[in-house]
C-alpha atoms as a PDB file:
ATOM      1  CA  MET A   1    -105.736 165.268  49.639  1.00  0.00           C
ATOM      2  CA  LYS A   2    -104.035 165.975  46.316  1.00  0.00           C
ATOM      3  CA  ASN A   3    -103.373 163.205  43.776  1.00  0.00           C
ATOM      4  CA  PRO A   4    -103.741 160.312  46.237  1.00  0.00           C
ATOM      5  CA  THR A   5    -102.851 156.699  45.618  1.00  0.00           C
ATOM      6  CA  ILE A   6    -106.121 154.834  45.040  1.00  0.00           C
ATOM      7  CA  ILE A   7    -106.750 151.252  46.075  1.00  0.00           C
ATOM      8  CA  LEU A   8    -109.711 150.036  44.036  1.00  0.00           C
ATOM      9  CA  ALA A   9    -111.573 147.136  45.650  1.00  0.00           C
ATOM     10  CA  ASN A  10    -113.990 144.903  43.788  1.00  0.00           C
ATOM     11  CA  GLY A  11    -117.230 146.414  45.079  1.00  0.00           C
ATOM     12  CA  SER A  12    -119.325 149.073  43.380  1.00  0.00           C
ATOM     13  CA  PHE A  13    -117.294 151.103  40.902  1.00  0.00           C
ATOM     14  CA  PRO A  14    -117.423 154.887  41.529  1.00  0.00           C
ATOM     15  CA  LYS A  15    -120.148 156.729  39.634  1.00  0.00           C
ATOM     16  CA  SER A  16    -120.083 160.302  40.951  1.00  0.00           C
ATOM     17  CA  LYS A  17    -118.261 162.992  39.012  1.00  0.00           C
ATOM     18  CA  ALA A  18    -116.243 163.942  42.107  1.00  0.00           C
ATOM     19  CA  LEU A  19    -114.887 160.424  42.685  1.00  0.00           C
ATOM     20  CA  LEU A  20    -114.159 159.833  39.014  1.00  0.00           C
ATOM     21  CA  GLU A  21    -112.168 163.066  38.923  1.00  0.00           C
ATOM     22  CA  VAL A  22    -110.130 161.914  41.933  1.00  0.00           C
ATOM     23  CA  LEU A  23    -109.584 158.574  40.212  1.00  0.00           C
ATOM     24  CA  ASP A  24    -108.389 160.291  37.028  1.00  0.00           C
ATOM     25  CA  GLN A  25    -106.040 162.596  38.921  1.00  0.00           C
ATOM     26  CA  SER A  26    -104.651 159.940  41.250  1.00  0.00           C
ATOM     27  CA  GLU A  27    -100.965 159.252  41.725  1.00  0.00           C
ATOM     28  CA  GLN A  28    -101.596 155.602  40.869  1.00  0.00           C
ATOM     29  CA  ILE A  29    -104.409 153.050  40.867  1.00  0.00           C
ATOM     30  CA  ILE A  30    -103.865 149.749  42.655  1.00  0.00           C
ATOM     31  CA  CYS A  31    -106.535 147.198  41.754  1.00  0.00           C
ATOM     32  CA  CYS A  32    -107.607 144.388  44.044  1.00  0.00           C
ATOM     33  CA  ASP A  33    -107.797 141.399  41.714  1.00  0.00           C
ATOM     34  CA  GLY A  34    -111.123 141.472  39.804  1.00  0.00           C
ATOM     35  CA  ALA A  35    -111.538 145.221  40.308  1.00  0.00           C
ATOM     36  CA  VAL A  36    -109.265 145.631  37.302  1.00  0.00           C
ATOM     37  CA  ASN A  37    -112.096 144.375  35.067  1.00  0.00           C
ATOM     38  CA  LYS A  38    -114.311 147.284  36.146  1.00  0.00           C
ATOM     39  CA  LEU A  39    -111.478 149.779  35.797  1.00  0.00           C
ATOM     40  CA  ILE A  40    -110.668 148.640  32.262  1.00  0.00           C
ATOM     41  CA  ASN A  41    -114.359 148.693  31.321  1.00  0.00           C
ATOM     42  CA  SER A  42    -114.442 152.342  32.422  1.00  0.00           C
ATOM     43  CA  GLY A  43    -111.647 153.152  29.973  1.00  0.00           C
ATOM     44  CA  ARG A  44    -108.929 153.504  32.626  1.00  0.00           C
ATOM     45  CA  GLU A  45    -105.646 151.678  33.170  1.00  0.00           C
ATOM     46  CA  PRO A  46    -104.251 150.071  36.347  1.00  0.00           C
ATOM     47  CA  ASN A  47    -100.771 150.703  37.713  1.00  0.00           C
ATOM     48  CA  VAL A  48    -100.726 147.575  39.875  1.00  0.00           C
ATOM     49  CA  ILE A  49    -102.997 144.519  40.187  1.00  0.00           C
ATOM     50  CA  ILE A  50    -102.788 142.638  43.489  1.00  0.00           C
ATOM     51  CA  GLY A  51    -104.348 139.431  44.815  1.00  0.00           C
ATOM     52  CA  ASP A  52    -104.588 135.731  44.157  1.00  0.00           C
ATOM     53  CA  LEU A  53    -105.605 136.754  40.589  1.00  0.00           C
ATOM     54  CA  ASP A  54    -108.375 134.175  40.362  1.00  0.00           C
ATOM     55  CA  SER A  55    -110.841 136.733  38.970  1.00  0.00           C
ATOM     56  CA  ILE A  56    -108.735 137.894  36.036  1.00  0.00           C
ATOM     57  CA  THR A  57    -108.916 136.463  32.514  1.00  0.00           C
ATOM     58  CA  PRO A  58    -105.788 135.050  30.826  1.00  0.00           C
ATOM     59  CA  LYS A  59    -106.026 137.899  28.310  1.00  0.00           C
ATOM     60  CA  ILE A  60    -105.791 140.542  31.050  1.00  0.00           C
ATOM     61  CA  LYS A  61    -103.017 138.626  32.814  1.00  0.00           C
ATOM     62  CA  LYS A  62    -100.999 138.603  29.616  1.00  0.00           C
ATOM     63  CA  LYS A  63    -101.612 142.272  28.796  1.00  0.00           C
ATOM     64  CA  TYR A  64    -100.680 143.475  32.299  1.00  0.00           C
ATOM     65  CA  GLN A  65     -98.163 140.813  33.234  1.00  0.00           C
ATOM     66  CA  ASP A  66     -95.611 143.435  34.289  1.00  0.00           C
ATOM     67  CA  LYS A  67     -98.144 144.979  36.703  1.00  0.00           C
ATOM     68  CA  LEU A  68     -99.242 141.798  38.503  1.00  0.00           C
ATOM     69  CA  VAL A  69     -98.476 141.126  42.166  1.00  0.00           C
ATOM     70  CA  HIS A  70     -99.542 137.527  42.794  1.00  0.00           C
ATOM     71  CA  ILE A  71    -100.190 136.724  46.467  1.00  0.00           C
ATOM     72  CA  GLU A  72    -101.635 133.254  46.947  1.00  0.00           C
ATOM     73  CA  GLU A  73    -102.208 133.151  50.721  1.00  0.00           C
ATOM     74  CA  GLN A  74    -105.863 133.152  51.804  1.00  0.00           C
ATOM     75  CA  ASN A  75    -105.507 134.411  55.379  1.00  0.00           C
ATOM     76  CA  THR A  76    -106.246 138.000  54.289  1.00  0.00           C
ATOM     77  CA  ASN A  77    -108.563 139.490  51.696  1.00  0.00           C
ATOM     78  CA  ASP A  78    -107.293 141.245  48.580  1.00  0.00           C
ATOM     79  CA  LEU A  79    -107.822 144.683  50.099  1.00  0.00           C
ATOM     80  CA  THR A  80    -105.537 143.831  53.014  1.00  0.00           C
ATOM     81  CA  LYS A  81    -102.984 142.415  50.571  1.00  0.00           C
ATOM     82  CA  ALA A  82    -103.047 145.758  48.734  1.00  0.00           C
ATOM     83  CA  ILE A  83    -102.635 147.706  51.984  1.00  0.00           C
ATOM     84  CA  ASN A  84     -99.675 145.539  53.020  1.00  0.00           C
ATOM     85  CA  TRP A  85     -98.086 145.981  49.585  1.00  0.00           C
ATOM     86  CA  CYS A  86     -98.430 149.781  49.887  1.00  0.00           C
ATOM     87  CA  ILE A  87     -96.696 149.700  53.257  1.00  0.00           C
ATOM     88  CA  SER A  88     -93.880 147.596  51.801  1.00  0.00           C
ATOM     89  CA  LYS A  89     -93.410 150.291  49.133  1.00  0.00           C
ATOM     90  CA  ASP A  90     -93.568 153.133  51.687  1.00  0.00           C
ATOM     91  CA  ILE A  91     -96.897 154.355  50.294  1.00  0.00           C
ATOM     92  CA  LEU A  92     -98.497 155.554  53.513  1.00  0.00           C
ATOM     93  CA  ASP A  93    -101.359 157.792  52.379  1.00  0.00           C
ATOM     94  CA  VAL A  94    -104.143 156.090  50.413  1.00  0.00           C
ATOM     95  CA  VAL A  95    -107.816 156.361  49.526  1.00  0.00           C
ATOM     96  CA  ILE A  96    -109.863 153.202  49.085  1.00  0.00           C
ATOM     97  CA  MET A  97    -112.682 153.152  46.540  1.00  0.00           C
ATOM     98  CA  GLY A  98    -114.972 150.285  45.569  1.00  0.00           C
ATOM     99  CA  ALA A  99    -114.969 148.930  49.127  1.00  0.00           C
ATOM    100  CA  THR A 100    -118.754 149.075  49.510  1.00  0.00           C
ATOM    101  CA  GLY A 101    -121.767 147.899  47.540  1.00  0.00           C
ATOM    102  CA  GLU A 102    -122.602 144.527  46.065  1.00  0.00           C
ATOM    103  CA  ARG A 103    -121.953 141.928  48.817  1.00  0.00           C
ATOM    104  CA  GLU A 104    -122.976 143.337  52.200  1.00  0.00           C
ATOM    105  CA  ASP A 105    -120.616 141.060  54.166  1.00  0.00           C
ATOM    106  CA  HIS A 106    -117.669 142.403  52.180  1.00  0.00           C
ATOM    107  CA  THR A 107    -118.844 145.958  52.824  1.00  0.00           C
ATOM    108  CA  ILE A 108    -119.021 145.428  56.599  1.00  0.00           C
ATOM    109  CA  ALA A 109    -115.645 143.682  56.692  1.00  0.00           C
ATOM    110  CA  ASN A 110    -113.925 146.383  54.622  1.00  0.00           C
ATOM    111  CA  ILE A 111    -115.265 149.197  56.812  1.00  0.00           C
ATOM    112  CA  ALA A 112    -114.354 147.364  60.023  1.00  0.00           C
ATOM    113  CA  LEU A 113    -110.830 146.744  58.735  1.00  0.00           C
ATOM    114  CA  LEU A 114    -110.217 150.511  58.604  1.00  0.00           C
ATOM    115  CA  SER A 115    -109.510 150.470  62.340  1.00  0.00           C
ATOM    116  CA  TYR A 116    -106.724 147.955  61.711  1.00  0.00           C
ATOM    117  CA  TYR A 117    -105.346 149.766  58.672  1.00  0.00           C
ATOM    118  CA  THR A 118    -105.134 153.150  60.393  1.00  0.00           C
ATOM    119  CA  LYS A 119    -102.535 151.727  62.783  1.00  0.00           C
ATOM    120  CA  LEU A 120    -100.306 151.189  59.748  1.00  0.00           C
ATOM    121  CA  LEU A 121    -100.908 154.176  57.434  1.00  0.00           C
ATOM    122  CA  LYS A 122    -103.235 157.081  56.690  1.00  0.00           C
ATOM    123  CA  VAL A 123    -106.317 155.694  54.983  1.00  0.00           C
ATOM    124  CA  GLU A 124    -109.958 156.508  54.259  1.00  0.00           C
ATOM    125  CA  ILE A 125    -112.773 154.832  52.324  1.00  0.00           C
ATOM    126  CA  TRP A 126    -114.528 157.132  49.838  1.00  0.00           C
ATOM    127  CA  THR A 127    -117.884 156.263  48.272  1.00  0.00           C
ATOM    128  CA  ASP A 128    -120.300 158.098  46.010  1.00  0.00           C
ATOM    129  CA  ASN A 129    -122.231 159.084  49.149  1.00  0.00           C
ATOM    130  CA  GLY A 130    -119.535 159.966  51.686  1.00  0.00           C
ATOM    131  CA  ARG A 131    -116.306 159.091  53.491  1.00  0.00           C
ATOM    132  CA  PHE A 132    -115.389 156.634  56.228  1.00  0.00           C
ATOM    133  CA  ILE A 133    -112.543 158.005  58.353  1.00  0.00           C
ATOM    134  CA  PRO A 134    -110.887 155.897  61.083  1.00  0.00           C
ATOM    135  CA  ILE A 135    -109.505 157.640  64.171  1.00  0.00           C
ATOM    136  CA  SER A 136    -107.798 156.418  67.337  1.00  0.00           C
ATOM    137  CA  GLU A 137    -107.695 159.660  69.329  1.00  0.00           C
ATOM    138  CA  SER A 138    -109.652 162.908  69.712  1.00  0.00           C
ATOM    139  CA  LYS A 139    -110.003 164.864  66.471  1.00  0.00           C
ATOM    140  CA  ILE A 140    -111.536 168.013  64.953  1.00  0.00           C
ATOM    141  CA  PHE A 141    -113.189 167.500  61.541  1.00  0.00           C
ATOM    142  CA  ASP A 142    -114.008 170.056  58.860  1.00  0.00           C
ATOM    143  CA  ALA A 143    -117.694 170.024  57.976  1.00  0.00           C
ATOM    144  CA  ILE A 144    -120.550 171.975  56.427  1.00  0.00           C
ATOM    145  CA  LYS A 145    -123.497 173.038  58.560  1.00  0.00           C
ATOM    146  CA  GLY A 146    -126.205 170.419  58.165  1.00  0.00           C
ATOM    147  CA  GLN A 147    -123.816 167.716  56.965  1.00  0.00           C
ATOM    148  CA  GLN A 148    -124.839 164.250  58.126  1.00  0.00           C
ATOM    149  CA  ILE A 149    -122.471 162.473  60.518  1.00  0.00           C
ATOM    150  CA  SER A 150    -122.404 158.943  61.943  1.00  0.00           C
ATOM    151  CA  ILE A 151    -119.986 157.537  64.502  1.00  0.00           C
ATOM    152  CA  PHE A 152    -119.150 153.866  64.965  1.00  0.00           C
ATOM    153  CA  SER A 153    -117.046 152.590  67.854  1.00  0.00           C
ATOM    154  CA  GLN A 154    -115.489 149.145  68.047  1.00  0.00           C
ATOM    155  CA  ASN A 155    -114.743 149.774  71.728  1.00  0.00           C
ATOM    156  CA  THR A 156    -117.916 149.574  73.808  1.00  0.00           C
ATOM    157  CA  ASP A 157    -116.163 150.819  76.946  1.00  0.00           C
ATOM    158  CA  ILE A 158    -114.852 154.118  75.497  1.00  0.00           C
ATOM    159  CA  GLU A 159    -116.668 157.275  76.622  1.00  0.00           C
ATOM    160  CA  ILE A 160    -117.077 159.725  73.743  1.00  0.00           C
ATOM    161  CA  SER A 161    -118.046 163.393  73.906  1.00  0.00           C
ATOM    162  CA  SER A 162    -118.622 165.828  71.058  1.00  0.00           C
ATOM    163  CA  LYS A 163    -118.735 169.494  70.121  1.00  0.00           C
ATOM    164  CA  GLY A 164    -120.490 170.906  67.062  1.00  0.00           C
ATOM    165  CA  LEU A 165    -123.077 168.130  66.620  1.00  0.00           C
ATOM    166  CA  LYS A 166    -126.859 168.576  66.702  1.00  0.00           C
ATOM    167  CA  TYR A 167    -127.232 165.679  69.131  1.00  0.00           C
ATOM    168  CA  PRO A 168    -124.292 166.047  71.531  1.00  0.00           C
ATOM    169  CA  LEU A 169    -122.443 163.052  72.904  1.00  0.00           C
ATOM    170  CA  GLN A 170    -121.663 163.439  76.594  1.00  0.00           C
ATOM    171  CA  ASN A 171    -119.334 160.710  77.835  1.00  0.00           C
ATOM    172  CA  LEU A 172    -121.451 158.262  75.873  1.00  0.00           C
ATOM    173  CA  LYS A 173    -120.420 154.633  75.424  1.00  0.00           C
ATOM    174  CA  LEU A 174    -121.497 153.443  71.986  1.00  0.00           C
ATOM    175  CA  LYS A 175    -122.461 149.899  72.954  1.00  0.00           C
ATOM    176  CA  ASN A 176    -124.336 149.289  69.690  1.00  0.00           C
ATOM    177  CA  TRP A 177    -123.518 150.433  66.144  1.00  0.00           C
ATOM    178  CA  TRP A 178    -126.758 152.409  65.750  1.00  0.00           C
ATOM    179  CA  MET A 179    -126.178 154.593  68.819  1.00  0.00           C
ATOM    180  CA  GLY A 180    -123.858 157.111  67.128  1.00  0.00           C
ATOM    181  CA  THR A 181    -125.613 157.305  63.770  1.00  0.00           C
ATOM    182  CA  LEU A 182    -127.740 159.972  62.050  1.00  0.00           C
ATOM    183  CA  ASN A 183    -126.203 163.032  63.669  1.00  0.00           C
ATOM    184  CA  GLU A 184    -125.602 166.415  62.047  1.00  0.00           C
ATOM    185  CA  ALA A 185    -122.910 169.106  62.030  1.00  0.00           C
ATOM    186  CA  THR A 186    -124.061 172.474  63.393  1.00  0.00           C
ATOM    187  CA  SER A 187    -121.176 174.552  61.999  1.00  0.00           C
ATOM    188  CA  ASN A 188    -118.080 174.314  59.810  1.00  0.00           C
ATOM    189  CA  GLU A 189    -116.387 171.848  62.147  1.00  0.00           C
ATOM    190  CA  PHE A 190    -117.115 169.275  64.817  1.00  0.00           C
ATOM    191  CA  GLU A 191    -114.982 167.545  67.406  1.00  0.00           C
ATOM    192  CA  LEU A 192    -114.945 164.074  68.947  1.00  0.00           C
ATOM    193  CA  ILE A 193    -113.281 163.775  72.337  1.00  0.00           C
ATOM    194  CA  PHE A 194    -112.219 160.662  74.219  1.00  0.00           C
ATOM    195  CA  LYS A 195    -109.498 160.052  76.791  1.00  0.00           C
ATOM    196  CA  LYS A 196    -108.151 156.660  75.733  1.00  0.00           C
ATOM    197  CA  MET A 197    -106.907 155.253  72.430  1.00  0.00           C
ATOM    198  CA  ALA A 198    -109.834 153.746  70.566  1.00  0.00           C
ATOM    199  CA  ASP A 199    -111.017 152.223  67.293  1.00  0.00           C
ATOM    200  CA  ILE A 200    -113.606 154.639  65.975  1.00  0.00           C
ATOM    201  CA  ILE A 201    -114.867 155.144  62.432  1.00  0.00           C
ATOM    202  CA  VAL A 202    -116.550 158.406  61.451  1.00  0.00           C
ATOM    203  CA  TYR A 203    -118.836 158.601  58.433  1.00  0.00           C
ATOM    204  CA  ILE A 204    -119.265 162.038  56.845  1.00  0.00           C
ATOM    205  CA  ALA A 205    -121.939 162.159  54.169  1.00  0.00           C
ATOM    206  CA  ASN A 206    -121.460 164.234  51.042  1.00  0.00           C
ATOM    207  CA  ASN A 207    -123.601 167.366  50.945  1.00  0.00           C
END
């Protein structure tokens, strides 16, 4: 993905050289409320700041008043508000950073929400350690031999098979989150196969 739009959530700020380079080369950076504090502290500037804006100082509000998108409703989190704003602006290809780390409940919620977001646009979560990629139908992934792979299904009745993984899945129903974790690519690609539409999230660790 070249020069993606970044949505920066208010979790752990990226530290790896690779993610910081993507951040610096991004098309634009959309900050979820208080995430703008971390971005500014890193010496970078936001293009848009979205949320109920309760985590931003008056000084920052004044400086970036032309970049604020104030959404008061509390039925969705700030990350979902940012996703919905992107859709309203026809921005349909985004990378989310800062969605993990710090509060574990936020991390779990943000990862789980990927299955909802992928029905609306192309989206992935990137961390210093790897990528979370939501899929709804069978897919072939690029990989490196030995790369660590985990598979999470939010549909316990979906039978999943695989090709190119060290521990093959053969019409396996992932009834618990742990069941598809800690696998490994055996070549430069792997495939997940299932017959019905599903809500599946694939984690590919960085090598």
